C-alpha atoms as a PDB file:
ATOM      1  CA  UNK A   1       4.267  13.046  -6.048  1.00  0.00           C
ATOM      2  CA  UNK A   2       5.954  16.036  -4.343  1.00  0.00           C
ATOM      3  CA  UNK A   3       8.401  13.669  -2.664  1.00  0.00           C
ATOM      4  CA  UNK A   4       9.280  12.074  -6.029  1.00  0.00           C
ATOM      5  CA  UNK A   5      10.028  15.505  -7.529  1.00  0.00           C
ATOM      6  CA  UNK A   6      12.386  16.274  -4.650  1.00  0.00           C
ATOM      7  CA  UNK A   7      14.185  12.963  -5.151  1.00  0.00           C
ATOM      8  CA  UNK A   8      14.550  13.635  -8.901  1.00  0.00           C
ATOM      9  CA  UNK A   9      15.897  17.158  -8.306  1.00  0.00           C
ATOM     10  CA  UNK A  10      18.372  15.928  -5.713  1.00  0.00           C
ATOM     11  CA  UNK A  11      19.515  13.154  -8.058  1.00  0.00           C
ATOM     12  CA  UNK A  12      20.162  15.645 -10.890  1.00  0.00           C
ATOM     13  CA  UNK A  13      22.153  17.909  -8.561  1.00  0.00           C
ATOM     14  CA  UNK A  14      24.229  14.960  -7.351  1.00  0.00           C
ATOM     15  CA  UNK A  15      24.901  13.812 -10.914  1.00  0.00           C
ATOM     16  CA  UNK A  16      26.104  17.239 -11.978  1.00  0.00           C
ATOM     17  CA  UNK A  17      28.320  17.643  -8.936  1.00  0.00           C
ATOM     18  CA  UNK A  18      30.060  14.423  -9.959  1.00  0.00           C
ATOM     19  CA  UNK A  19      30.256  15.393 -13.649  1.00  0.00           C
ATOM     20  CA  UNK A  20      31.582  18.885 -12.857  1.00  0.00           C
ATOM     21  CA  UNK A  21      34.313  17.418 -10.697  1.00  0.00           C
ATOM     22  CA  UNK A  22      35.397  14.769 -13.224  1.00  0.00           C
ATOM     23  CA  UNK A  23      37.550  16.937 -15.519  1.00  0.00           C
ATOM     24  CA  UNK A  24      39.350  18.337 -12.492  1.00  0.00           C
ATOM     25  CA  UNK A  25      39.960  14.858 -11.106  1.00  0.00           C
ATOM     26  CA  UNK A  26      41.201  13.539 -14.461  1.00  0.00           C
ATOM     27  CA  UNK A  27      43.685  16.423 -14.816  1.00  0.00           C
ATOM     28  CA  UNK A  28      44.746  16.600 -11.188  1.00  0.00           C
ATOM     29  CA  UNK A  29      48.326  17.830 -10.761  1.00  0.00           C
ATOM     30  CA  UNK A  30      48.518  19.540 -14.153  1.00  0.00           C
ATOM     31  CA  UNK A  31      49.220  23.252 -14.531  1.00  0.00           C
ATOM     32  CA  UNK A  32      46.031  25.287 -14.892  1.00  0.00           C
ATOM     33  CA  UNK A  33      45.252  28.526 -16.763  1.00  0.00           C
ATOM     34  CA  UNK A  34      42.012  30.021 -18.062  1.00  0.00           C
ATOM     35  CA  UNK A  35      42.304  28.715 -21.628  1.00  0.00           C
ATOM     36  CA  UNK A  36      43.259  25.266 -20.421  1.00  0.00           C
ATOM     37  CA  UNK A  37      40.324  25.214 -17.963  1.00  0.00           C
ATOM     38  CA  UNK A  38      37.924  26.132 -20.782  1.00  0.00           C
ATOM     39  CA  UNK A  39      39.435  23.600 -23.188  1.00  0.00           C
ATOM     40  CA  UNK A  40      39.776  20.699 -20.795  1.00  0.00           C
ATOM     41  CA  UNK A  41      36.945  21.348 -18.350  1.00  0.00           C
ATOM     42  CA  UNK A  42      34.031  23.400 -19.656  1.00  0.00           C
ATOM     43  CA  UNK A  43      33.946  22.154 -23.258  1.00  0.00           C
ATOM     44  CA  UNK A  44      33.748  18.495 -22.120  1.00  0.00           C
ATOM     45  CA  UNK A  45      31.057  19.412 -19.584  1.00  0.00           C
ATOM     46  CA  UNK A  46      28.970  20.882 -22.414  1.00  0.00           C
ATOM     47  CA  UNK A  47      29.210  17.569 -24.256  1.00  0.00           C
ATOM     48  CA  UNK A  48      28.468  15.676 -21.024  1.00  0.00           C
ATOM     49  CA  UNK A  49      25.237  17.669 -20.739  1.00  0.00           C
ATOM     50  CA  UNK A  50      24.315  16.862 -24.355  1.00  0.00           C
ATOM     51  CA  UNK A  51      24.926  13.115 -23.849  1.00  0.00           C
ATOM     52  CA  UNK A  52      23.136  13.069 -20.513  1.00  0.00           C
ATOM     53  CA  UNK A  53      19.946  14.836 -21.581  1.00  0.00           C
ATOM     54  CA  UNK A  54      19.662  13.326 -25.073  1.00  0.00           C
ATOM     55  CA  UNK A  55      19.614   9.948 -23.358  1.00  0.00           C
ATOM     56  CA  UNK A  56      17.439  11.084 -20.441  1.00  0.00           C
ATOM     57  CA  UNK A  57      14.693  12.648 -22.538  1.00  0.00           C
ATOM     58  CA  UNK A  58      14.867  10.665 -25.796  1.00  0.00           C
ATOM     59  CA  UNK A  59      17.102   7.636 -26.260  1.00  0.00           C
ATOM     60  CA  UNK A  60      16.458   5.671 -23.067  1.00  0.00           C
ATOM     61  CA  UNK A  61      12.666   5.742 -23.493  1.00  0.00           C
ATOM     62  CA  UNK A  62      12.789   5.223 -27.252  1.00  0.00           C
ATOM     63  CA  UNK A  63      15.383   2.460 -27.434  1.00  0.00           C
ATOM     64  CA  UNK A  64      16.587   1.087 -24.075  1.00  0.00           C
ATOM     65  CA  UNK A  65      13.166   0.685 -22.440  1.00  0.00           C
ATOM     66  CA  UNK A  66      11.805  -0.646 -25.727  1.00  0.00           C
ATOM     67  CA  UNK A  67      14.456  -3.418 -25.737  1.00  0.00           C
ATOM     68  CA  UNK A  68      16.219  -1.967 -28.790  1.00  0.00           C
ATOM     69  CA  UNK A  69      19.611  -2.450 -27.119  1.00  0.00           C
ATOM     70  CA  UNK A  70      21.772  -2.669 -30.263  1.00  0.00           C
ATOM     71  CA  UNK A  71      20.373   0.575 -31.683  1.00  0.00           C
ATOM     72  CA  UNK A  72      20.791   2.265 -28.300  1.00  0.00           C
ATOM     73  CA  UNK A  73      24.474   1.289 -28.024  1.00  0.00           C
ATOM     74  CA  UNK A  74      25.190   2.166 -31.667  1.00  0.00           C
ATOM     75  CA  UNK A  75      23.620   5.639 -31.439  1.00  0.00           C
ATOM     76  CA  UNK A  76      25.475   6.398 -28.208  1.00  0.00           C
ATOM     77  CA  UNK A  77      28.799   5.291 -29.705  1.00  0.00           C
ATOM     78  CA  UNK A  78      28.222   7.687 -32.587  1.00  0.00           C
ATOM     79  CA  UNK A  79      27.351  10.518 -30.173  1.00  0.00           C
ATOM     80  CA  UNK A  80      30.418   9.864 -28.002  1.00  0.00           C
ATOM     81  CA  UNK A  81      32.812   9.617 -30.940  1.00  0.00           C
ATOM     82  CA  UNK A  82      31.298  12.775 -32.449  1.00  0.00           C
ATOM     83  CA  UNK A  83      31.609  14.562 -29.072  1.00  0.00           C
ATOM     84  CA  UNK A  84      35.298  13.647 -28.720  1.00  0.00           C
ATOM     85  CA  UNK A  85      35.965  14.699 -32.316  1.00  0.00           C
ATOM     86  CA  UNK A  86      34.241  18.052 -31.869  1.00  0.00           C
ATOM     87  CA  UNK A  87      36.023  18.601 -28.567  1.00  0.00           C
ATOM     88  CA  UNK A  88      39.396  18.065 -30.235  1.00  0.00           C
ATOM     89  CA  UNK A  89      38.329  20.320 -33.103  1.00  0.00           C
ATOM     90  CA  UNK A  90      37.374  23.187 -30.758  1.00  0.00           C
ATOM     91  CA  UNK A  91      40.609  22.757 -28.806  1.00  0.00           C
ATOM     92  CA  UNK A  92      42.698  22.932 -31.980  1.00  0.00           C
ATOM     93  CA  UNK A  93      40.660  25.846 -33.346  1.00  0.00           C
ATOM     94  CA  UNK A  94      40.634  28.116 -30.303  1.00  0.00           C
ATOM     95  CA  UNK A  95      43.281  26.896 -27.855  1.00  0.00           C
ATOM     96  CA  UNK A  96      46.035  25.346 -30.002  1.00  0.00           C
ATOM     97  CA  UNK A  97      48.813  27.736 -28.906  1.00  0.00           C
ATOM     98  CA  UNK A  98      47.998  27.416 -25.204  1.00  0.00           C
ATOM     99  CA  UNK A  99      47.861  23.631 -25.363  1.00  0.00           C
ATOM    100  CA  UNK A 100      51.154  23.439 -27.297  1.00  0.00           C
ATOM    101  CA  UNK A 101      52.930  25.543 -24.660  1.00  0.00           C
ATOM    102  CA  UNK A 102      51.499  23.396 -21.882  1.00  0.00           C
ATOM    103  CA  UNK A 103      52.531  20.215 -23.666  1.00  0.00           C
ATOM    104  CA  UNK A 104      56.110  21.474 -24.087  1.00  0.00           C
ATOM    105  CA  UNK A 105      56.361  22.280 -20.368  1.00  0.00           C
ATOM    106  CA  UNK A 106      54.903  18.957 -19.289  1.00  0.00           C
ATOM    107  CA  UNK A 107      56.740  16.919 -21.891  1.00  0.00           C
ATOM    108  CA  UNK A 108      55.068  14.360 -24.099  1.00  0.00           C
ATOM    109  CA  UNK A 109      51.478  13.521 -23.147  1.00  0.00           C
ATOM    110  CA  UNK A 110      50.091  10.081 -22.418  1.00  0.00           C
ATOM    111  CA  UNK A 111      50.107   7.388 -25.138  1.00  0.00           C
ATOM    112  CA  UNK A 112      47.413   7.810 -27.783  1.00  0.00           C
ATOM    113  CA  UNK A 113      45.620   4.582 -26.784  1.00  0.00           C
ATOM    114  CA  UNK A 114      45.531   5.667 -23.156  1.00  0.00           C
ATOM    115  CA  UNK A 115      44.243   9.093 -24.217  1.00  0.00           C
ATOM    116  CA  UNK A 116      41.390   7.546 -26.229  1.00  0.00           C
ATOM    117  CA  UNK A 117      40.581   5.153 -23.378  1.00  0.00           C
ATOM    118  CA  UNK A 118      40.350   7.977 -20.814  1.00  0.00           C
ATOM    119  CA  UNK A 119      38.271  10.104 -23.209  1.00  0.00           C
ATOM    120  CA  UNK A 120      35.829   7.264 -23.932  1.00  0.00           C
ATOM    121  CA  UNK A 121      35.584   6.463 -20.222  1.00  0.00           C
ATOM    122  CA  UNK A 122      34.839  10.059 -19.255  1.00  0.00           C
ATOM    123  CA  UNK A 123      32.119  10.346 -21.913  1.00  0.00           C
ATOM    124  CA  UNK A 124      30.562   7.057 -20.785  1.00  0.00           C
ATOM    125  CA  UNK A 125      29.975   8.413 -17.287  1.00  0.00           C
ATOM    126  CA  UNK A 126      27.113  10.846 -18.158  1.00  0.00           C
ATOM    127  CA  UNK A 127      25.522   8.068 -20.216  1.00  0.00           C
ATOM    128  CA  UNK A 128      25.622   5.663 -17.267  1.00  0.00           C
ATOM    129  CA  UNK A 129      24.335   8.333 -14.891  1.00  0.00           C
ATOM    130  CA  UNK A 130      21.477   9.062 -17.264  1.00  0.00           C
ATOM    131  CA  UNK A 131      20.523   5.376 -17.423  1.00  0.00           C
ATOM    132  CA  UNK A 132      20.752   5.017 -13.641  1.00  0.00           C
ATOM    133  CA  UNK A 133      18.667   8.128 -12.977  1.00  0.00           C
ATOM    134  CA  UNK A 134      16.035   7.286 -15.573  1.00  0.00           C
ATOM    135  CA  UNK A 135      15.775   3.691 -14.385  1.00  0.00           C
ATOM    136  CA  UNK A 136      15.401   4.804 -10.773  1.00  0.00           C
ATOM    137  CA  UNK A 137      12.700   7.294 -11.737  1.00  0.00           C
ATOM    138  CA  UNK A 138      10.872   4.619 -13.711  1.00  0.00           C
ATOM    139  CA  UNK A 139      11.098   2.170 -10.816  1.00  0.00           C
ATOM    140  CA  UNK A 140       9.718   4.763  -8.365  1.00  0.00           C
ATOM    141  CA  UNK A 141       6.841   5.527 -10.758  1.00  0.00           C
ATOM    142  CA  UNK A 142       6.115   1.828 -11.322  1.00  0.00           C
ATOM    143  CA  UNK A 143       6.190   1.155  -7.588  1.00  0.00           C
ATOM    144  CA  UNK A 144       3.815   4.070  -6.947  1.00  0.00           C
ATOM    145  CA  UNK A 145       1.432   2.762  -9.634  1.00  0.00           C
ATOM    146  CA  UNK A 146       1.644  -0.746  -8.174  1.00  0.00           C
ATOM    147  CA  UNK A 147       0.785   0.549  -4.700  1.00  0.00           C
ATOM    148  CA  UNK A 148      -2.071   2.610  -6.104  1.00  0.00           C
ATOM    149  CA  UNK A 149      -3.428  -0.433  -7.971  1.00  0.00           C
ATOM    150  CA  UNK A 150      -3.120  -2.539  -4.818  1.00  0.00           C
ATOM    151  CA  UNK A 151      -4.912   0.163  -2.832  1.00  0.00           C
ATOM    152  CA  UNK A 152      -7.760   0.319  -5.374  1.00  0.00           C
ATOM    153  CA  UNK A 153      -8.027  -3.473  -5.312  1.00  0.00           C
ATOM    154  CA  UNK A 154      -8.070  -3.477  -1.499  1.00  0.00           C
ATOM    155  CA  UNK A 155     -10.852  -0.887  -1.362  1.00  0.00           C
ATOM    156  CA  UNK A 156     -12.830  -2.805  -3.980  1.00  0.00           C
ATOM    157  CA  UNK A 157     -12.520  -6.086  -2.057  1.00  0.00           C
ATOM    158  CA  UNK A 158     -13.464  -4.422   1.223  1.00  0.00           C
ATOM    159  CA  UNK A 159     -16.453  -2.750  -0.388  1.00  0.00           C
ATOM    160  CA  UNK A 160     -17.540  -6.101  -1.805  1.00  0.00           C
ATOM    161  CA  UNK A 161     -17.247  -7.755   1.615  1.00  0.00           C
ATOM    162  CA  UNK A 162     -19.111  -4.873   3.218  1.00  0.00           C
ATOM    163  CA  UNK A 163     -21.982  -5.135   0.751  1.00  0.00           C
ATOM    164  CA  UNK A 164     -21.916  -8.904   1.119  1.00  0.00           C
ATOM    165  CA  UNK A 165     -22.367  -8.592   4.881  1.00  0.00           C
ATOM    166  CA  UNK A 166     -25.398  -6.267   4.705  1.00  0.00           C
ATOM    167  CA  UNK A 167     -27.822  -8.627   2.888  1.00  0.00           C
ATOM    168  CA  UNK A 168     -26.478 -11.508   4.997  1.00  0.00           C
ATOM    169  CA  UNK A 169     -27.306  -9.587   8.183  1.00  0.00           C
ATOM    170  CA  UNK A 170     -30.678  -8.467   6.806  1.00  0.00           C
ATOM    171  CA  UNK A 171     -31.598 -12.002   5.713  1.00  0.00           C
ATOM    172  CA  UNK A 172     -30.805 -13.520   9.129  1.00  0.00           C
ATOM    173  CA  UNK A 173     -32.717 -10.770  10.941  1.00  0.00           C
ATOM    174  CA  UNK A 174     -35.787 -11.279   8.731  1.00  0.00           C
ATOM    175  CA  UNK A 175     -35.673 -15.001   9.481  1.00  0.00           C
ATOM    176  CA  UNK A 176     -35.756 -14.228  13.188  1.00  0.00           C
ATOM    177  CA  UNK A 177     -38.646 -11.784  12.789  1.00  0.00           C
ATOM    178  CA  UNK A 178     -40.520 -14.255  10.603  1.00  0.00           C
ATOM    179  CA  UNK A 179     -40.436 -16.745  13.473  1.00  0.00           C
ATOM    180  CA  UNK A 180     -42.159 -14.167  15.709  1.00  0.00           C
ATOM    181  CA  UNK A 181     -45.045 -13.274  13.397  1.00  0.00           C
ATOM    182  CA  UNK A 182     -47.313 -16.158  14.452  1.00  0.00           C
ATOM    183  CA  UNK A 183     -46.075 -16.430  18.047  1.00  0.00           C
ATOM    184  CA  UNK A 184     -46.083 -12.733  19.010  1.00  0.00           C
ATOM    185  CA  UNK A 185     -47.225 -10.170  16.402  1.00  0.00           C
ATOM    186  CA  UNK A 186     -46.487  -7.274  18.777  1.00  0.00           C
ATOM    187  CA  UNK A 187     -42.918  -8.407  19.260  1.00  0.00           C
ATOM    188  CA  UNK A 188     -42.620  -8.840  15.493  1.00  0.00           C
ATOM    189  CA  UNK A 189     -43.654  -5.208  15.017  1.00  0.00           C
ATOM    190  CA  UNK A 190     -41.087  -4.050  17.578  1.00  0.00           C
ATOM    191  CA  UNK A 191     -38.471  -6.169  15.854  1.00  0.00           C
ATOM    192  CA  UNK A 192     -39.185  -4.593  12.462  1.00  0.00           C
ATOM    193  CA  UNK A 193     -38.891  -1.124  13.971  1.00  0.00           C
ATOM    194  CA  UNK A 194     -35.584  -2.049  15.654  1.00  0.00           C
ATOM    195  CA  UNK A 195     -34.321  -3.641  12.460  1.00  0.00           C
ATOM    196  CA  UNK A 196     -35.023  -0.438  10.506  1.00  0.00           C
ATOM    197  CA  UNK A 197     -32.789   1.487  12.943  1.00  0.00           C
ATOM    198  CA  UNK A 198     -30.042  -1.087  12.610  1.00  0.00           C
ATOM    199  CA  UNK A 199     -30.226  -1.031   8.824  1.00  0.00           C
ATOM    200  CA  UNK A 200     -30.062   2.765   8.831  1.00  0.00           C
ATOM    201  CA  UNK A 201     -26.837   2.508  10.821  1.00  0.00           C
ATOM    202  CA  UNK A 202     -25.423  -0.074   8.414  1.00  0.00           C
ATOM    203  CA  UNK A 203     -26.342   1.932   5.330  1.00  0.00           C
ATOM    204  CA  UNK A 204     -25.313   5.430   6.405  1.00  0.00           C
ATOM    205  CA  UNK A 205     -22.783   5.203   9.231  1.00  0.00           C
ATOM    206  CA  UNK A 206     -20.523   2.316   8.261  1.00  0.00           C
ATOM    207  CA  UNK A 207     -19.155   3.648   4.968  1.00  0.00           C
ATOM    208  CA  UNK A 208     -16.072   5.116   6.647  1.00  0.00           C
ATOM    209  CA  UNK A 209     -12.948   2.997   6.951  1.00  0.00           C
ATOM    210  CA  UNK A 210     -13.131   3.217  10.729  1.00  0.00           C
ATOM    211  CA  UNK A 211     -15.646   4.385  13.316  1.00  0.00           C
ATOM    212  CA  UNK A 212     -15.577   4.902  17.061  1.00  0.00           C
ATOM    213  CA  UNK A 213     -15.688   1.681  19.058  1.00  0.00           C
ATOM    214  CA  UNK A 214     -18.445   3.247  21.192  1.00  0.00           C
ATOM    215  CA  UNK A 215     -20.713   3.564  18.123  1.00  0.00           C
ATOM    216  CA  UNK A 216     -20.121  -0.056  17.204  1.00  0.00           C
ATOM    217  CA  UNK A 217     -20.892  -1.109  20.766  1.00  0.00           C
ATOM    218  CA  UNK A 218     -24.165   0.839  20.704  1.00  0.00           C
ATOM    219  CA  UNK A 219     -25.078  -0.948  17.451  1.00  0.00           C
ATOM    220  CA  UNK A 220     -24.295  -4.359  18.989  1.00  0.00           C
ATOM    221  CA  UNK A 221     -26.409  -3.599  22.060  1.00  0.00           C
ATOM    222  CA  UNK A 222     -29.396  -2.761  19.872  1.00  0.00           C
ATOM    223  CA  UNK A 223     -28.888  -5.924  17.849  1.00  0.00           C
ATOM    224  CA  UNK A 224     -28.666  -8.043  21.004  1.00  0.00           C
ATOM    225  CA  UNK A 225     -31.887  -6.448  22.298  1.00  0.00           C
ATOM    226  CA  UNK A 226     -33.536  -7.259  18.975  1.00  0.00           C
ATOM    227  CA  UNK A 227     -32.444 -10.892  19.138  1.00  0.00           C
ATOM    228  CA  UNK A 228     -33.534 -11.272  22.743  1.00  0.00           C
ATOM    229  CA  UNK A 229     -37.124 -10.587  21.650  1.00  0.00           C
ATOM    230  CA  UNK A 230     -37.301 -13.905  19.844  1.00  0.00           C
ATOM    231  CA  UNK A 231     -35.523 -16.197  22.327  1.00  0.00           C
ATOM    232  CA  UNK A 232     -37.251 -17.909  25.249  1.00  0.00           C
ATOM    233  CA  UNK A 233     -36.522 -17.583  28.917  1.00  0.00           C
ATOM    234  CA  UNK A 234     -34.317 -20.641  28.580  1.00  0.00           C
ATOM    235  CA  UNK A 235     -31.659 -18.469  26.929  1.00  0.00           C
ATOM    236  CA  UNK A 236     -29.521 -16.169  29.077  1.00  0.00           C
ATOM    237  CA  UNK A 237     -27.592 -13.404  27.338  1.00  0.00           C
ATOM    238  CA  UNK A 238     -24.784 -11.648  29.209  1.00  0.00           C
ATOM    239  CA  UNK A 239     -22.545  -8.949  27.832  1.00  0.00           C
ATOM    240  CA  UNK A 240     -19.893  -6.655  29.229  1.00  0.00           C
ATOM    241  CA  UNK A 241     -18.843  -3.681  27.091  1.00  0.00           C
ATOM    242  CA  UNK A 242     -16.711  -0.638  27.976  1.00  0.00           C
ATOM    243  CA  UNK A 243     -18.957   2.089  29.377  1.00  0.00           C
ATOM    244  CA  UNK A 244     -16.499   4.979  28.935  1.00  0.00           C
ATOM    245  CA  UNK A 245     -15.449   6.570  25.664  1.00  0.00           C
ATOM    246  CA  UNK A 246     -12.024   5.183  24.720  1.00  0.00           C
ATOM    247  CA  UNK A 247     -11.488   7.159  21.503  1.00  0.00           C
ATOM    248  CA  UNK A 248     -10.473   3.919  19.765  1.00  0.00           C
ATOM    249  CA  UNK A 249     -11.554   3.543  16.159  1.00  0.00           C
ATOM    250  CA  UNK A 250     -12.107   0.209  14.422  1.00  0.00           C
ATOM    251  CA  UNK A 251     -13.407  -1.045  11.099  1.00  0.00           C
ATOM    252  CA  UNK A 252     -17.224  -1.285  11.287  1.00  0.00           C
ATOM    253  CA  UNK A 253     -19.227  -4.510  11.572  1.00  0.00           C
ATOM    254  CA  UNK A 254     -16.349  -6.823  12.486  1.00  0.00           C
ATOM    255  CA  UNK A 255     -17.998  -8.412  15.528  1.00  0.00           C
ATOM    256  CA  UNK A 256     -21.618  -8.599  14.456  1.00  0.00           C
ATOM    257  CA  UNK A 257     -21.258 -11.875  12.518  1.00  0.00           C
ATOM    258  CA  UNK A 258     -19.999 -13.629  15.659  1.00  0.00           C
ATOM    259  CA  UNK A 259     -23.011 -12.367  17.630  1.00  0.00           C
ATOM    260  CA  UNK A 260     -25.309 -13.459  14.805  1.00  0.00           C
ATOM    261  CA  UNK A 261     -23.770 -16.935  14.888  1.00  0.00           C
ATOM    262  CA  UNK A 262     -24.249 -17.123  18.645  1.00  0.00           C
ATOM    263  CA  UNK A 263     -27.998 -16.517  18.324  1.00  0.00           C
ATOM    264  CA  UNK A 264     -28.267 -18.789  15.283  1.00  0.00           C
ATOM    265  CA  UNK A 265     -26.238 -21.783  16.566  1.00  0.00           C
ATOM    266  CA  UNK A 266     -26.210 -21.218  20.328  1.00  0.00           C
ATOM    267  CA  UNK A 267     -29.934 -21.109  21.075  1.00  0.00           C
ATOM    268  CA  UNK A 268     -32.374 -23.994  21.503  1.00  0.00           C
ATOM    269  CA  UNK A 269     -36.133 -23.856  21.909  1.00  0.00           C
ATOM    270  CA  UNK A 270     -36.138 -26.743  24.369  1.00  0.00           C
ATOM    271  CA  UNK A 271     -32.757 -26.569  26.146  1.00  0.00           C
ATOM    272  CA  UNK A 272     -31.046 -24.107  28.448  1.00  0.00           C
ATOM    273  CA  UNK A 273     -28.403 -21.970  26.761  1.00  0.00           C
ATOM    274  CA  UNK A 274     -26.097 -19.099  27.647  1.00  0.00           C
ATOM    275  CA  UNK A 275     -24.420 -16.483  25.483  1.00  0.00           C
ATOM    276  CA  UNK A 276     -21.573 -14.470  27.007  1.00  0.00           C
ATOM    277  CA  UNK A 277     -20.043 -11.534  25.115  1.00  0.00           C
ATOM    278  CA  UNK A 278     -17.138  -9.377  26.303  1.00  0.00           C
ATOM    279  CA  UNK A 279     -15.204  -6.465  24.865  1.00  0.00           C
ATOM    280  CA  UNK A 280     -12.164  -4.941  26.542  1.00  0.00           C
ATOM    281  CA  UNK A 281      -9.503  -2.531  25.395  1.00  0.00           C
ATOM    282  CA  UNK A 282      -5.965  -1.752  26.484  1.00  0.00           C
ATOM    283  CA  UNK A 283      -4.311   1.279  24.910  1.00  0.00           C
ATOM    284  CA  UNK A 284      -5.053   0.690  21.190  1.00  0.00           C
ATOM    285  CA  UNK A 285      -5.729  -3.076  21.367  1.00  0.00           C
ATOM    286  CA  UNK A 286      -9.309  -4.344  21.343  1.00  0.00           C
ATOM    287  CA  UNK A 287     -10.220  -7.840  22.579  1.00  0.00           C
ATOM    288  CA  UNK A 288     -13.591  -9.345  21.690  1.00  0.00           C
ATOM    289  CA  UNK A 289     -14.656 -12.712  23.094  1.00  0.00           C
ATOM    290  CA  UNK A 290     -17.899 -14.615  22.745  1.00  0.00           C
ATOM    291  CA  UNK A 291     -19.008 -17.946  24.180  1.00  0.00           C
ATOM    292  CA  UNK A 292     -22.210 -19.847  23.465  1.00  0.00           C
ATOM    293  CA  UNK A 293     -23.671 -23.330  23.479  1.00  0.00           C
ATOM    294  CA  UNK A 294     -23.179 -25.280  20.313  1.00  0.00           C
ATOM    295  CA  UNK A 295     -26.330 -26.613  18.636  1.00  0.00           C
ATOM    296  CA  UNK A 296     -25.234 -27.644  15.104  1.00  0.00           C
ATOM    297  CA  UNK A 297     -27.610 -26.835  12.256  1.00  0.00           C
ATOM    298  CA  UNK A 298     -29.455 -29.672  10.615  1.00  0.00           C
ATOM    299  CA  UNK A 299     -28.328 -30.618   7.133  1.00  0.00           C
ATOM    300  CA  UNK A 300     -31.639 -29.422   5.627  1.00  0.00           C
ATOM    301  CA  UNK A 301     -31.502 -26.049   7.420  1.00  0.00           C
ATOM    302  CA  UNK A 302     -30.667 -23.471   4.724  1.00  0.00           C
ATOM    303  CA  UNK A 303     -31.158 -20.347   6.855  1.00  0.00           C
ATOM    304  CA  UNK A 304     -28.353 -17.875   6.407  1.00  0.00           C
ATOM    305  CA  UNK A 305     -25.582 -18.274   3.888  1.00  0.00           C
ATOM    306  CA  UNK A 306     -22.704 -19.389   6.107  1.00  0.00           C
ATOM    307  CA  UNK A 307     -20.494 -16.520   5.014  1.00  0.00           C
ATOM    308  CA  UNK A 308     -20.131 -14.849   8.435  1.00  0.00           C
ATOM    309  CA  UNK A 309     -16.827 -16.307   9.680  1.00  0.00           C
ATOM    310  CA  UNK A 310     -15.298 -16.364   6.195  1.00  0.00           C
ATOM    311  CA  UNK A 311     -16.203 -12.708   5.787  1.00  0.00           C
ATOM    312  CA  UNK A 312     -14.497 -11.823   9.091  1.00  0.00           C
ATOM    313  CA  UNK A 313     -11.303 -13.646   8.148  1.00  0.00           C
ATOM    314  CA  UNK A 314     -11.100 -11.955   4.747  1.00  0.00           C
ATOM    315  CA  UNK A 315     -11.727  -8.492   6.178  1.00  0.00           C
ATOM    316  CA  UNK A 316      -9.150  -8.995   8.951  1.00  0.00           C
ATOM    317  CA  UNK A 317      -6.569 -10.073   6.386  1.00  0.00           C
ATOM    318  CA  UNK A 318      -7.194  -6.919   4.336  1.00  0.00           C
ATOM    319  CA  UNK A 319      -7.730  -4.398   7.131  1.00  0.00           C
ATOM    320  CA  UNK A 320      -5.338  -5.573   9.842  1.00  0.00           C
ATOM    321  CA  UNK A 321      -2.547  -7.630   8.255  1.00  0.00           C
ATOM    322  CA  UNK A 322      -0.243  -8.979  10.987  1.00  0.00           C
ATOM    323  CA  UNK A 323      -2.233  -6.957  13.524  1.00  0.00           C
ATOM    324  CA  UNK A 324      -4.980  -9.399  14.419  1.00  0.00           C
ATOM    325  CA  UNK A 325      -5.521 -12.707  16.140  1.00  0.00           C
ATOM    326  CA  UNK A 326      -8.709 -14.667  15.466  1.00  0.00           C
ATOM    327  CA  UNK A 327      -9.298 -18.025  17.160  1.00  0.00           C
ATOM    328  CA  UNK A 328     -12.368 -20.260  17.321  1.00  0.00           C
ATOM    329  CA  UNK A 329     -12.809 -23.558  19.137  1.00  0.00           C
ATOM    330  CA  UNK A 330     -15.422 -25.906  20.614  1.00  0.00           C
ATOM    331  CA  UNK A 331     -14.886 -26.977  24.236  1.00  0.00           C
ATOM    332  CA  UNK A 332     -17.348 -28.972  26.333  1.00  0.00           C
ATOM    333  CA  UNK A 333     -19.961 -28.484  23.612  1.00  0.00           C
ATOM    334  CA  UNK A 334     -19.569 -24.707  23.780  1.00  0.00           C
ATOM    335  CA  UNK A 335     -18.351 -22.524  20.921  1.00  0.00           C
ATOM    336  CA  UNK A 336     -15.641 -19.993  21.808  1.00  0.00           C
ATOM    337  CA  UNK A 337     -14.295 -17.186  19.651  1.00  0.00           C
ATOM    338  CA  UNK A 338     -11.559 -14.672  20.460  1.00  0.00           C
ATOM    339  CA  UNK A 339     -10.708 -11.745  18.240  1.00  0.00           C
ATOM    340  CA  UNK A 340      -7.857  -9.391  19.098  1.00  0.00           C
ATOM    341  CA  UNK A 341      -7.108  -6.308  16.988  1.00  0.00           C
ATOM    342  CA  UNK A 342      -4.268  -3.814  17.164  1.00  0.00           C
ATOM    343  CA  UNK A 343      -5.893  -0.637  15.873  1.00  0.00           C
ATOM    344  CA  UNK A 344      -2.610   1.291  15.392  1.00  0.00           C
END
């Protein structure tokens, strides 16, 4: 807003520098005296100001921007003709003798048609400046409103995706705990306690646009420990996260869906499986990779809602446009995902 005011003020100053110089430019080379300067310079400038600000504050909004073009042109023609007439009247009333003497010295003036043409042209300039300035101001305001609307929409979409992720995460975790109730009640109790800590983090610490990568890593470690309670010894989970504080900030909960998927689709009760998770950072770029065995869900398995990967893609598009790389593939019956984010 402050920047827009500065631009408007500068534009007005520039316009008036041009308008103040016009009478001098149009009469360049002619003999000057005080009465002639007043008659030929300052009186026209007064009418320029009238034309400029009547259009700027009233006519452009009322007629031009309302698509009443004919009325706008007609009213301005009347104002310009009236301005020229009044200018000539004031010159004849107050400066007739001075102008007659000047005319005698300089000889006969320009042809009448040329005189009218130059007069009309000079009085059109403040009108055109007014239109240009008002249109520019309107465009800047419209652009600012468009950006504000886009920003509100972006925040709304991100909030929706964030809230969408929470019940998805909670639902999958409850499914895992449910599987432990009959097998190991003690582990189920521990899982519920761990889940409450994770949910507290999700509810109260992930509302900011970005959080420290170290906090997100701590959250992922706790989630991995929770998931390891329900898997058998046939599943090996390896992870390598930065141990030092990097100061890097990222959007919260971007990686958790990939870890969820690894435990949901990469673990078998009867077969050996391995999950490998890595996070590395270089300057402000974060690289997350995960690799796990691929055990496709059965067609009648309705656990989870399948929104994890879609949610990641949507959030990346909104949060890091042109600053992310997300790839998934299946090689040798193992699922691989690589997510690179430029946090600057």
